[in-house]
Amino acid sequence: MAQTAFSIYNASAGSGKTYMLVKEYLRILLQAPADDAYRKILAITFTNKAVEEMKGRIIQNLSDFAKEEPPVGAYELMKALSAETSLSIATIHEKARSIIKNIIHNYASFDISTIDRF
């Protein structure tokens, strides 16, 4: 099945939009051949608060994935991503370590934007 160039998520408050957006963002990062794929992802949301929430969750999940023993919630997300991507847990662990290191060294390039700023 071909993947579309973009996705739009429209749902009510509390329905899990941020979770889905973060999961999709992580899926794209983990499947990308380069560790700096975040430079080529356009993620737009409505508010600055939502931007910070998404960025925080992405960084937290990558950091948790990179740990030798990820917290239970992060491990469950790793399993879900593994099932969706056919990447092993070990591959996700190693890829997350490389991606988080790359983001730390190039944080200004890790951008999620509001509609107004875009």
PDB file of N, CA and C in Angstrom:
ATOM      1  N   MET A   1       0.845  -1.175   0.000  1.00  0.00           N
ATOM      2  CA  MET A   1       0.000   0.000   0.000  1.00  0.00           C
ATOM      3  C   MET A   1       0.891   1.240   0.000  1.00  0.00           C
ATOM      4  N   ALA A   2       0.608   2.175  -0.861  1.00  0.00           N
ATOM      5  CA  ALA A   2       1.386   3.407  -0.955  1.00  0.00           C
ATOM      6  C   ALA A   2       1.051   4.334   0.200  1.00  0.00           C
ATOM      7  N   GLN A   3       2.069   5.045   0.673  1.00  0.00           N
ATOM      8  CA  GLN A   3       1.891   5.998   1.768  1.00  0.00           C
ATOM      9  C   GLN A   3       1.647   7.384   1.185  1.00  0.00           C
ATOM     10  N   THR A   4       0.696   8.102   1.755  1.00  0.00           N
ATOM     11  CA  THR A   4       0.420   9.448   1.276  1.00  0.00           C
ATOM     12  C   THR A   4       1.523  10.398   1.714  1.00  0.00           C
ATOM     13  N   ALA A   5       1.594  11.528   1.031  1.00  0.00           N
ATOM     14  CA  ALA A   5       2.631  12.513   1.335  1.00  0.00           C
ATOM     15  C   ALA A   5       2.363  13.242   2.641  1.00  0.00           C
ATOM     16  N   PHE A   6       1.124  13.302   3.065  1.00  0.00           N
ATOM     17  CA  PHE A   6       0.798  13.982   4.313  1.00  0.00           C
ATOM     18  C   PHE A   6      -0.424  13.344   4.955  1.00  0.00           C
ATOM     19  N   SER A   7      -0.572  13.610   6.238  1.00  0.00           N
ATOM     20  CA  SER A   7      -1.717  13.103   6.991  1.00  0.00           C
ATOM     21  C   SER A   7      -2.325  14.249   7.780  1.00  0.00           C
ATOM     22  N   ILE A   8      -3.625  14.221   7.891  1.00  0.00           N
ATOM     23  CA  ILE A   8      -4.345  15.217   8.690  1.00  0.00           C
ATOM     24  C   ILE A   8      -5.119  14.458   9.759  1.00  0.00           C
ATOM     25  N   TYR A   9      -4.949  14.882  11.019  1.00  0.00           N
ATOM     26  CA  TYR A   9      -5.682  14.296  12.127  1.00  0.00           C
ATOM     27  C   TYR A   9      -6.606  15.364  12.685  1.00  0.00           C
ATOM     28  N   ASN A  10      -7.890  15.092  12.699  1.00  0.00           N
ATOM     29  CA  ASN A  10      -8.882  16.038  13.181  1.00  0.00           C
ATOM     30  C   ASN A  10      -9.808  15.289  14.138  1.00  0.00           C
ATOM     31  N   ALA A  11      -9.749  15.641  15.408  1.00  0.00           N
ATOM     32  CA  ALA A  11     -10.568  14.954  16.404  1.00  0.00           C
ATOM     33  C   ALA A  11     -10.766  15.879  17.608  1.00  0.00           C
ATOM     34  N   SER A  12     -11.682  15.495  18.455  1.00  0.00           N
ATOM     35  CA  SER A  12     -12.004  16.322  19.624  1.00  0.00           C
ATOM     36  C   SER A  12     -10.916  16.239  20.692  1.00  0.00           C
ATOM     37  N   ALA A  13     -10.991  17.154  21.641  1.00  0.00           N
ATOM     38  CA  ALA A  13     -10.026  17.203  22.746  1.00  0.00           C
ATOM     39  C   ALA A  13     -10.055  15.891  23.525  1.00  0.00           C
ATOM     40  N   GLY A  14      -8.873  15.427  23.899  1.00  0.00           N
ATOM     41  CA  GLY A  14      -8.777  14.228  24.723  1.00  0.00           C
ATOM     42  C   GLY A  14      -8.926  12.926  23.969  1.00  0.00           C
ATOM     43  N   SER A  15      -8.926  12.981  22.645  1.00  0.00           N
ATOM     44  CA  SER A  15      -9.147  11.770  21.854  1.00  0.00           C
ATOM     45  C   SER A  15      -7.853  11.043  21.478  1.00  0.00           C
ATOM     46  N   GLY A  16      -6.707  11.617  21.826  1.00  0.00           N
ATOM     47  CA  GLY A  16      -5.437  10.955  21.541  1.00  0.00           C
ATOM     48  C   GLY A  16      -4.722  11.475  20.300  1.00  0.00           C
ATOM     49  N   LYS A  17      -5.053  12.671  19.854  1.00  0.00           N
ATOM     50  CA  LYS A  17      -4.398  13.247  18.669  1.00  0.00           C
ATOM     51  C   LYS A  17      -2.893  13.381  18.879  1.00  0.00           C
ATOM     52  N   THR A  18      -2.491  13.930  20.003  1.00  0.00           N
ATOM     53  CA  THR A  18      -1.069  14.146  20.242  1.00  0.00           C
ATOM     54  C   THR A  18      -0.337  12.809  20.287  1.00  0.00           C
ATOM     55  N   TYR A  19      -0.910  11.820  20.919  1.00  0.00           N
ATOM     56  CA  TYR A  19      -0.304  10.491  20.955  1.00  0.00           C
ATOM     57  C   TYR A  19      -0.102   9.965  19.539  1.00  0.00           C
ATOM     58  N   MET A  20      -1.143  10.070  18.705  1.00  0.00           N
ATOM     59  CA  MET A  20      -1.048   9.578  17.332  1.00  0.00           C
ATOM     60  C   MET A  20      -0.021  10.358  16.514  1.00  0.00           C
ATOM     61  N   LEU A  21       0.011  11.674  16.689  1.00  0.00           N
ATOM     62  CA  LEU A  21       0.982  12.491  15.960  1.00  0.00           C
ATOM     63  C   LEU A  21       2.413  12.136  16.366  1.00  0.00           C
ATOM     64  N   VAL A  22       2.637  11.981  17.656  1.00  0.00           N
ATOM     65  CA  VAL A  22       3.965  11.620  18.149  1.00  0.00           C
ATOM     66  C   VAL A  22       4.350  10.231  17.635  1.00  0.00           C
ATOM     67  N   LYS A  23       3.432   9.293  17.695  1.00  0.00           N
ATOM     68  CA  LYS A  23       3.698   7.939  17.213  1.00  0.00           C
ATOM     69  C   LYS A  23       4.035   7.961  15.721  1.00  0.00           C
ATOM     70  N   GLU A  24       3.285   8.714  14.943  1.00  0.00           N
ATOM     71  CA  GLU A  24       3.544   8.808  13.506  1.00  0.00           C
ATOM     72  C   GLU A  24       4.900   9.461  13.233  1.00  0.00           C
ATOM     73  N   TYR A  25       5.209  10.504  13.981  1.00  0.00           N
ATOM     74  CA  TYR A  25       6.492  11.197  13.838  1.00  0.00           C
ATOM     75  C   TYR A  25       7.636  10.227  14.146  1.00  0.00           C
ATOM     76  N   LEU A  26       7.498   9.482  15.235  1.00  0.00           N
ATOM     77  CA  LEU A  26       8.525   8.507  15.614  1.00  0.00           C
ATOM     78  C   LEU A  26       8.658   7.410  14.561  1.00  0.00           C
ATOM     79  N   ARG A  27       7.545   6.959  14.011  1.00  0.00           N
ATOM     80  CA  ARG A  27       7.572   5.931  12.972  1.00  0.00           C
ATOM     81  C   ARG A  27       8.367   6.415  11.762  1.00  0.00           C
ATOM     82  N   ILE A  28       8.113   7.653  11.345  1.00  0.00           N
ATOM     83  CA  ILE A  28       8.836   8.214  10.202  1.00  0.00           C
ATOM     84  C   ILE A  28      10.327   8.304  10.520  1.00  0.00           C
ATOM     85  N   LEU A  29      10.653   8.804  11.715  1.00  0.00           N
ATOM     86  CA  LEU A  29      12.062   8.914  12.111  1.00  0.00           C
ATOM     87  C   LEU A  29      12.765   7.562  12.112  1.00  0.00           C
ATOM     88  N   LEU A  30      12.118   6.576  12.706  1.00  0.00           N
ATOM     89  CA  LEU A  30      12.746   5.266  12.859  1.00  0.00           C
ATOM     90  C   LEU A  30      12.899   4.530  11.538  1.00  0.00           C
ATOM     91  N   GLN A  31      12.010   4.785  10.588  1.00  0.00           N
ATOM     92  CA  GLN A  31      12.103   4.117   9.296  1.00  0.00           C
ATOM     93  C   GLN A  31      13.031   4.833   8.317  1.00  0.00           C
ATOM     94  N   ALA A  32      13.373   6.061   8.610  1.00  0.00           N
ATOM     95  CA  ALA A  32      14.228   6.828   7.707  1.00  0.00           C
ATOM     96  C   ALA A  32      15.649   6.274   7.715  1.00  0.00           C
ATOM     97  N   PRO A  33      16.303   6.285   6.572  1.00  0.00           N
ATOM     98  CA  PRO A  33      17.681   5.786   6.537  1.00  0.00           C
ATOM     99  C   PRO A  33      18.678   6.695   7.265  1.00  0.00           C
ATOM    100  N   ALA A  34      18.391   7.984   7.304  1.00  0.00           N
ATOM    101  CA  ALA A  34      19.302   8.939   7.947  1.00  0.00           C
ATOM    102  C   ALA A  34      18.801   9.291   9.346  1.00  0.00           C
ATOM    103  N   ASP A  35      19.743   9.616  10.233  1.00  0.00           N
ATOM    104  CA  ASP A  35      19.393   9.972  11.608  1.00  0.00           C
ATOM    105  C   ASP A  35      18.907  11.418  11.737  1.00  0.00           C
ATOM    106  N   ASP A  36      18.935  12.172  10.655  1.00  0.00           N
ATOM    107  CA  ASP A  36      18.476  13.559  10.701  1.00  0.00           C
ATOM    108  C   ASP A  36      17.202  13.783   9.887  1.00  0.00           C
ATOM    109  N   ALA A  37      16.381  12.749   9.773  1.00  0.00           N
ATOM    110  CA  ALA A  37      15.137  12.848   9.006  1.00  0.00           C
ATOM    111  C   ALA A  37      14.192  13.906   9.577  1.00  0.00           C
ATOM    112  N   TYR A  38      14.339  14.239  10.860  1.00  0.00           N
ATOM    113  CA  TYR A  38      13.489  15.262  11.477  1.00  0.00           C
ATOM    114  C   TYR A  38      13.620  16.594  10.753  1.00  0.00           C
ATOM    115  N   ARG A  39      14.711  16.816  10.062  1.00  0.00           N
ATOM    116  CA  ARG A  39      14.908  18.057   9.303  1.00  0.00           C
ATOM    117  C   ARG A  39      13.948  18.165   8.122  1.00  0.00           C
ATOM    118  N   LYS A  40      13.404  17.014   7.688  1.00  0.00           N
ATOM    119  CA  LYS A  40      12.566  16.974   6.497  1.00  0.00           C
ATOM    120  C   LYS A  40      11.100  16.670   6.805  1.00  0.00           C
ATOM    121  N   ILE A  41      10.754  16.681   8.072  1.00  0.00           N
ATOM    122  CA  ILE A  41       9.373  16.402   8.468  1.00  0.00           C
ATOM    123  C   ILE A  41       8.686  17.722   8.797  1.00  0.00           C
ATOM    124  N   LEU A  42       7.545  17.949   8.176  1.00  0.00           N
ATOM    125  CA  LEU A  42       6.748  19.130   8.480  1.00  0.00           C
ATOM    126  C   LEU A  42       5.632  18.705   9.425  1.00  0.00           C
ATOM    127  N   ALA A  43       5.684  19.195  10.640  1.00  0.00           N
ATOM    128  CA  ALA A  43       4.649  18.913  11.634  1.00  0.00           C
ATOM    129  C   ALA A  43       4.088  20.250  12.092  1.00  0.00           C
ATOM    130  N   ILE A  44       2.787  20.414  11.929  1.00  0.00           N
ATOM    131  CA  ILE A  44       2.132  21.686  12.255  1.00  0.00           C
ATOM    132  C   ILE A  44       0.964  21.410  13.191  1.00  0.00           C
ATOM    133  N   THR A  45       0.838  22.253  14.202  1.00  0.00           N
ATOM    134  CA  THR A  45      -0.285  22.157  15.125  1.00  0.00           C
ATOM    135  C   THR A  45      -0.799  23.562  15.409  1.00  0.00           C
ATOM    136  N   PHE A  46      -1.797  23.692  16.272  1.00  0.00           N
ATOM    137  CA  PHE A  46      -2.467  24.979  16.451  1.00  0.00           C
ATOM    138  C   PHE A  46      -1.796  25.928  17.433  1.00  0.00           C
ATOM    139  N   THR A  47      -1.311  25.417  18.548  1.00  0.00           N
ATOM    140  CA  THR A  47      -0.841  26.312  19.606  1.00  0.00           C
ATOM    141  C   THR A  47       0.611  26.044  19.983  1.00  0.00           C
ATOM    142  N   ASN A  48       1.226  27.051  20.590  1.00  0.00           N
ATOM    143  CA  ASN A  48       2.594  26.880  21.093  1.00  0.00           C
ATOM    144  C   ASN A  48       2.641  25.800  22.168  1.00  0.00           C
ATOM    145  N   LYS A  49       1.586  25.715  22.966  1.00  0.00           N
ATOM    146  CA  LYS A  49       1.516  24.684  24.003  1.00  0.00           C
ATOM    147  C   LYS A  49       1.542  23.290  23.362  1.00  0.00           C
ATOM    148  N   ALA A  50       0.814  23.119  22.274  1.00  0.00           N
ATOM    149  CA  ALA A  50       0.789  21.838  21.577  1.00  0.00           C
ATOM    150  C   ALA A  50       2.152  21.527  20.951  1.00  0.00           C
ATOM    151  N   VAL A  51       2.822  22.550  20.426  1.00  0.00           N
ATOM    152  CA  VAL A  51       4.168  22.372  19.869  1.00  0.00           C
ATOM    153  C   VAL A  51       5.099  21.844  20.946  1.00  0.00           C
ATOM    154  N   GLU A  52       5.113  22.493  22.098  1.00  0.00           N
ATOM    155  CA  GLU A  52       6.004  22.072  23.186  1.00  0.00           C
ATOM    156  C   GLU A  52       5.650  20.677  23.694  1.00  0.00           C
ATOM    157  N   GLU A  53       4.360  20.372  23.745  1.00  0.00           N
ATOM    158  CA  GLU A  53       3.918  19.039  24.174  1.00  0.00           C
ATOM    159  C   GLU A  53       4.434  17.974  23.207  1.00  0.00           C
ATOM    160  N   MET A  54       4.281  18.215  21.918  1.00  0.00           N
ATOM    161  CA  MET A  54       4.742  17.241  20.925  1.00  0.00           C
ATOM    162  C   MET A  54       6.255  17.073  20.960  1.00  0.00           C
ATOM    163  N   LYS A  55       6.977  18.189  20.972  1.00  0.00           N
ATOM    164  CA  LYS A  55       8.434  18.107  20.996  1.00  0.00           C
ATOM    165  C   LYS A  55       8.912  17.380  22.253  1.00  0.00           C
ATOM    166  N   GLY A  56       8.297  17.710  23.381  1.00  0.00           N
ATOM    167  CA  GLY A  56       8.663  17.060  24.639  1.00  0.00           C
ATOM    168  C   GLY A  56       8.417  15.567  24.607  1.00  0.00           C
ATOM    169  N   ARG A  57       7.283  15.173  24.076  1.00  0.00           N
ATOM    170  CA  ARG A  57       6.964  13.739  24.014  1.00  0.00           C
ATOM    171  C   ARG A  57       7.891  12.994  23.049  1.00  0.00           C
ATOM    172  N   ILE A  58       8.220  13.614  21.930  1.00  0.00           N
ATOM    173  CA  ILE A  58       9.123  12.972  20.978  1.00  0.00           C
ATOM    174  C   ILE A  58      10.491  12.765  21.609  1.00  0.00           C
ATOM    175  N   ILE A  59      11.021  13.812  22.217  1.00  0.00           N
ATOM    176  CA  ILE A  59      12.332  13.718  22.867  1.00  0.00           C
ATOM    177  C   ILE A  59      12.288  12.698  24.007  1.00  0.00           C
ATOM    178  N   GLN A  60      11.243  12.746  24.831  1.00  0.00           N
ATOM    179  CA  GLN A  60      11.132  11.813  25.955  1.00  0.00           C
ATOM    180  C   GLN A  60      11.062  10.374  25.467  1.00  0.00           C
ATOM    181  N   ASN A  61      10.254  10.125  24.439  1.00  0.00           N
ATOM    182  CA  ASN A  61      10.156   8.760  23.917  1.00  0.00           C
ATOM    183  C   ASN A  61      11.470   8.278  23.327  1.00  0.00           C
ATOM    184  N   LEU A  62      12.127   9.111  22.548  1.00  0.00           N
ATOM    185  CA  LEU A  62      13.427   8.710  21.994  1.00  0.00           C
ATOM    186  C   LEU A  62      14.428   8.422  23.113  1.00  0.00           C
ATOM    187  N   SER A  63      14.429   9.274  24.129  1.00  0.00           N
ATOM    188  CA  SER A  63      15.329   9.066  25.273  1.00  0.00           C
ATOM    189  C   SER A  63      15.000   7.761  25.984  1.00  0.00           C
ATOM    190  N   ASP A  64      13.717   7.502  26.181  1.00  0.00           N
ATOM    191  CA  ASP A  64      13.301   6.249  26.832  1.00  0.00           C
ATOM    192  C   ASP A  64      13.648   5.031  25.973  1.00  0.00           C
ATOM    193  N   PHE A  65      13.434   5.133  24.660  1.00  0.00           N
ATOM    194  CA  PHE A  65      13.764   4.024  23.754  1.00  0.00           C
ATOM    195  C   PHE A  65      15.258   3.710  23.806  1.00  0.00           C
ATOM    196  N   ALA A  66      16.073   4.728  24.021  1.00  0.00           N
ATOM    197  CA  ALA A  66      17.533   4.569  24.025  1.00  0.00           C
ATOM    198  C   ALA A  66      18.065   3.946  25.311  1.00  0.00           C
ATOM    199  N   LYS A  67      17.245   3.895  26.356  1.00  0.00           N
ATOM    200  CA  LYS A  67      17.680   3.325  27.629  1.00  0.00           C
ATOM    201  C   LYS A  67      17.811   1.808  27.529  1.00  0.00           C
ATOM    202  N   GLU A  68      18.717   1.262  28.317  1.00  0.00           N
ATOM    203  CA  GLU A  68      18.893  -0.196  28.343  1.00  0.00           C
ATOM    204  C   GLU A  68      17.610  -0.896  28.786  1.00  0.00           C
ATOM    205  N   GLU A  69      16.909  -0.285  29.749  1.00  0.00           N
ATOM    206  CA  GLU A  69      15.629  -0.822  30.201  1.00  0.00           C
ATOM    207  C   GLU A  69      14.588   0.290  30.133  1.00  0.00           C
ATOM    208  N   PRO A  70      13.913   0.412  28.988  1.00  0.00           N
ATOM    209  CA  PRO A  70      12.912   1.476  28.831  1.00  0.00           C
ATOM    210  C   PRO A  70      11.762   1.311  29.829  1.00  0.00           C
ATOM    211  N   PRO A  71      11.162   2.431  30.261  1.00  0.00           N
ATOM    212  CA  PRO A  71       9.976   2.342  31.112  1.00  0.00           C
ATOM    213  C   PRO A  71       8.864   1.553  30.395  1.00  0.00           C
ATOM    214  N   VAL A  72       7.933   1.024  31.155  1.00  0.00           N
ATOM    215  CA  VAL A  72       6.878   0.167  30.611  1.00  0.00           C
ATOM    216  C   VAL A  72       6.115   0.850  29.470  1.00  0.00           C
ATOM    217  N   GLY A  73       5.702   2.092  29.668  1.00  0.00           N
ATOM    218  CA  GLY A  73       4.945   2.789  28.629  1.00  0.00           C
ATOM    219  C   GLY A  73       5.729   2.952  27.341  1.00  0.00           C
ATOM    220  N   ALA A  74       7.000   3.280  27.469  1.00  0.00           N
ATOM    221  CA  ALA A  74       7.863   3.442  26.293  1.00  0.00           C
ATOM    222  C   ALA A  74       8.066   2.091  25.602  1.00  0.00           C
ATOM    223  N   TYR A  75       8.222   1.051  26.406  1.00  0.00           N
ATOM    224  CA  TYR A  75       8.413  -0.283  25.825  1.00  0.00           C
ATOM    225  C   TYR A  75       7.169  -0.718  25.045  1.00  0.00           C
ATOM    226  N   GLU A  76       5.992  -0.394  25.572  1.00  0.00           N
ATOM    227  CA  GLU A  76       4.739  -0.721  24.864  1.00  0.00           C
ATOM    228  C   GLU A  76       4.671   0.025  23.529  1.00  0.00           C
ATOM    229  N   LEU A  77       5.079   1.284  23.527  1.00  0.00           N
ATOM    230  CA  LEU A  77       5.109   2.059  22.289  1.00  0.00           C
ATOM    231  C   LEU A  77       6.145   1.480  21.328  1.00  0.00           C
ATOM    232  N   MET A  78       7.290   1.053  21.852  1.00  0.00           N
ATOM    233  CA  MET A  78       8.308   0.404  21.015  1.00  0.00           C
ATOM    234  C   MET A  78       7.739  -0.851  20.349  1.00  0.00           C
ATOM    235  N   LYS A  79       6.987  -1.644  21.120  1.00  0.00           N
ATOM    236  CA  LYS A  79       6.385  -2.857  20.557  1.00  0.00           C
ATOM    237  C   LYS A  79       5.385  -2.511  19.462  1.00  0.00           C
ATOM    238  N   ALA A  80       4.587  -1.463  19.690  1.00  0.00           N
ATOM    239  CA  ALA A  80       3.615  -1.043  18.673  1.00  0.00           C
ATOM    240  C   ALA A  80       4.330  -0.570  17.410  1.00  0.00           C
ATOM    241  N   LEU A  81       5.381   0.215  17.590  1.00  0.00           N
ATOM    242  CA  LEU A  81       6.147   0.694  16.432  1.00  0.00           C
ATOM    243  C   LEU A  81       6.850  -0.460  15.727  1.00  0.00           C
ATOM    244  N   SER A  82       7.326  -1.426  16.492  1.00  0.00           N
ATOM    245  CA  SER A  82       7.967  -2.600  15.910  1.00  0.00           C
ATOM    246  C   SER A  82       6.976  -3.367  15.033  1.00  0.00           C
ATOM    247  N   ALA A  83       5.768  -3.523  15.521  1.00  0.00           N
ATOM    248  CA  ALA A  83       4.737  -4.224  14.750  1.00  0.00           C
ATOM    249  C   ALA A  83       4.379  -3.468  13.471  1.00  0.00           C
ATOM    250  N   GLU A  84       4.330  -2.146  13.547  1.00  0.00           N
ATOM    251  CA  GLU A  84       3.955  -1.331  12.387  1.00  0.00           C
ATOM    252  C   GLU A  84       5.075  -1.216  11.362  1.00  0.00           C
ATOM    253  N   THR A  85       6.315  -1.269  11.816  1.00  0.00           N
ATOM    254  CA  THR A  85       7.449  -1.001  10.930  1.00  0.00           C
ATOM    255  C   THR A  85       8.258  -2.231  10.565  1.00  0.00           C
ATOM    256  N   SER A  86       8.037  -3.330  11.255  1.00  0.00           N
ATOM    257  CA  SER A  86       8.831  -4.555  11.106  1.00  0.00           C
ATOM    258  C   SER A  86      10.277  -4.371  11.570  1.00  0.00           C
ATOM    259  N   LEU A  87      10.538  -3.296  12.327  1.00  0.00           N
ATOM    260  CA  LEU A  87      11.855  -3.104  12.936  1.00  0.00           C
ATOM    261  C   LEU A  87      11.881  -3.869  14.256  1.00  0.00           C
ATOM    262  N   SER A  88      13.011  -4.464  14.577  1.00  0.00           N
ATOM    263  CA  SER A  88      13.123  -5.163  15.854  1.00  0.00           C
ATOM    264  C   SER A  88      13.226  -4.142  16.992  1.00  0.00           C
ATOM    265  N   ILE A  89      12.947  -4.579  18.196  1.00  0.00           N
ATOM    266  CA  ILE A  89      13.101  -3.725  19.375  1.00  0.00           C
ATOM    267  C   ILE A  89      14.551  -3.259  19.482  1.00  0.00           C
ATOM    268  N   ALA A  90      15.497  -4.155  19.208  1.00  0.00           N
ATOM    269  CA  ALA A  90      16.920  -3.802  19.267  1.00  0.00           C
ATOM    270  C   ALA A  90      17.260  -2.725  18.235  1.00  0.00           C
ATOM    271  N   THR A  91      16.688  -2.816  17.063  1.00  0.00           N
ATOM    272  CA  THR A  91      16.928  -1.811  16.019  1.00  0.00           C
ATOM    273  C   THR A  91      16.346  -0.470  16.438  1.00  0.00           C
ATOM    274  N   ILE A  92      15.138  -0.485  16.999  1.00  0.00           N
ATOM    275  CA  ILE A  92      14.515   0.751  17.478  1.00  0.00           C
ATOM    276  C   ILE A  92      15.383   1.368  18.568  1.00  0.00           C
ATOM    277  N   HIS A  93      15.881   0.544  19.477  1.00  0.00           N
ATOM    278  CA  HIS A  93      16.760   1.013  20.559  1.00  0.00           C
ATOM    279  C   HIS A  93      17.993   1.719  19.985  1.00  0.00           C
ATOM    280  N   GLU A  94      18.682   1.066  19.066  1.00  0.00           N
ATOM    281  CA  GLU A  94      19.909   1.637  18.491  1.00  0.00           C
ATOM    282  C   GLU A  94      19.618   2.872  17.642  1.00  0.00           C
ATOM    283  N   LYS A  95      18.557   2.818  16.853  1.00  0.00           N
ATOM    284  CA  LYS A  95      18.191   3.959  16.002  1.00  0.00           C
ATOM    285  C   LYS A  95      17.807   5.156  16.875  1.00  0.00           C
ATOM    286  N   ALA A  96      17.071   4.919  17.948  1.00  0.00           N
ATOM    287  CA  ALA A  96      16.681   6.003  18.862  1.00  0.00           C
ATOM    288  C   ALA A  96      17.916   6.657  19.471  1.00  0.00           C
ATOM    289  N   ARG A  97      18.903   5.856  19.839  1.00  0.00           N
ATOM    290  CA  ARG A  97      20.155   6.415  20.401  1.00  0.00           C
ATOM    291  C   ARG A  97      20.823   7.343  19.396  1.00  0.00           C
ATOM    292  N   SER A  98      20.878   6.935  18.151  1.00  0.00           N
ATOM    293  CA  SER A  98      21.511   7.752  17.110  1.00  0.00           C
ATOM    294  C   SER A  98      20.712   9.014  16.819  1.00  0.00           C
ATOM    295  N   ILE A  99      19.390   8.874  16.750  1.00  0.00           N
ATOM    296  CA  ILE A  99      18.527  10.025  16.438  1.00  0.00           C
ATOM    297  C   ILE A  99      18.589  11.055  17.559  1.00  0.00           C
ATOM    298  N   ILE A 100      18.473  10.620  18.809  1.00  0.00           N
ATOM    299  CA  ILE A 100      18.475  11.574  19.925  1.00  0.00           C
ATOM    300  C   ILE A 100      19.818  12.296  19.995  1.00  0.00           C
ATOM    301  N   LYS A 101      20.891  11.592  19.733  1.00  0.00           N
ATOM    302  CA  LYS A 101      22.212  12.227  19.706  1.00  0.00           C
ATOM    303  C   LYS A 101      22.271  13.287  18.603  1.00  0.00           C
ATOM    304  N   ASN A 102      21.727  12.971  17.449  1.00  0.00           N
ATOM    305  CA  ASN A 102      21.711  13.910  16.332  1.00  0.00           C
ATOM    306  C   ASN A 102      20.860  15.132  16.658  1.00  0.00           C
ATOM    307  N   ILE A 103      19.705  14.918  17.259  1.00  0.00           N
ATOM    308  CA  ILE A 103      18.822  16.041  17.624  1.00  0.00           C
ATOM    309  C   ILE A 103      19.511  16.940  18.636  1.00  0.00           C
ATOM    310  N   ILE A 104      20.161  16.357  19.634  1.00  0.00           N
ATOM    311  CA  ILE A 104      20.843  17.158  20.661  1.00  0.00           C
ATOM    312  C   ILE A 104      21.890  18.063  20.028  1.00  0.00           C
ATOM    313  N   HIS A 105      22.596  17.562  19.035  1.00  0.00           N
ATOM    314  CA  HIS A 105      23.639  18.358  18.386  1.00  0.00           C
ATOM    315  C   HIS A 105      23.088  19.352  17.358  1.00  0.00           C
ATOM    316  N   ASN A 106      21.825  19.184  16.961  1.00  0.00           N
ATOM    317  CA  ASN A 106      21.216  20.052  15.947  1.00  0.00           C
ATOM    318  C   ASN A 106      19.805  20.458  16.359  1.00  0.00           C
ATOM    319  N   TYR A 107      19.629  20.820  17.631  1.00  0.00           N
ATOM    320  CA  TYR A 107      18.286  21.040  18.165  1.00  0.00           C
ATOM    321  C   TYR A 107      17.500  22.112  17.402  1.00  0.00           C
ATOM    322  N   ALA A 108      18.170  23.121  16.891  1.00  0.00           N
ATOM    323  CA  ALA A 108      17.484  24.183  16.152  1.00  0.00           C
ATOM    324  C   ALA A 108      16.810  23.647  14.890  1.00  0.00           C
ATOM    325  N   SER A 109      17.283  22.530  14.372  1.00  0.00           N
ATOM    326  CA  SER A 109      16.690  21.937  13.166  1.00  0.00           C
ATOM    327  C   SER A 109      15.514  21.015  13.485  1.00  0.00           C
ATOM    328  N   PHE A 110      15.314  20.713  14.752  1.00  0.00           N
ATOM    329  CA  PHE A 110      14.189  19.880  15.185  1.00  0.00           C
ATOM    330  C   PHE A 110      13.004  20.816  15.409  1.00  0.00           C
ATOM    331  N   ASP A 111      12.144  20.920  14.389  1.00  0.00           N
ATOM    332  CA  ASP A 111      11.112  21.951  14.418  1.00  0.00           C
ATOM    333  C   ASP A 111       9.719  21.365  14.254  1.00  0.00           C
ATOM    334  N   ILE A 112       8.848  21.793  15.095  1.00  0.00           N
ATOM    335  CA  ILE A 112       7.411  21.591  14.946  1.00  0.00           C
ATOM    336  C   ILE A 112       6.836  22.992  15.043  1.00  0.00           C
ATOM    337  N   SER A 113       5.879  23.301  14.211  1.00  0.00           N
ATOM    338  CA  SER A 113       5.436  24.679  14.070  1.00  0.00           C
ATOM    339  C   SER A 113       3.950  24.839  14.335  1.00  0.00           C
ATOM    340  N   THR A 114       3.563  26.078  14.651  1.00  0.00           N
ATOM    341  CA  THR A 114       2.140  26.413  14.690  1.00  0.00           C
ATOM    342  C   THR A 114       1.719  26.822  13.278  1.00  0.00           C
ATOM    343  N   ILE A 115       0.451  26.790  13.028  1.00  0.00           N
ATOM    344  CA  ILE A 115      -0.071  27.223  11.727  1.00  0.00           C
ATOM    345  C   ILE A 115       0.323  28.665  11.462  1.00  0.00           C
ATOM    346  N   ASP A 116       0.185  29.528  12.464  1.00  0.00           N
ATOM    347  CA  ASP A 116       0.506  30.939  12.287  1.00  0.00           C
ATOM    348  C   ASP A 116       1.978  31.132  11.934  1.00  0.00           C
ATOM    349  N   ARG A 117       2.860  30.440  12.622  1.00  0.00           N
ATOM    350  CA  ARG A 117       4.286  30.595  12.361  1.00  0.00           C
ATOM    351  C   ARG A 117       4.673  30.041  10.997  1.00  0.00           C
ATOM    352  N   PHE A 118       4.010  28.972  10.582  1.00  0.00           N
ATOM    353  CA  PHE A 118       4.301  28.373   9.283  1.00  0.00           C
ATOM    354  C   PHE A 118       3.921  29.340   8.178  1.00  0.00           C
TER     355      PHE A 118
END
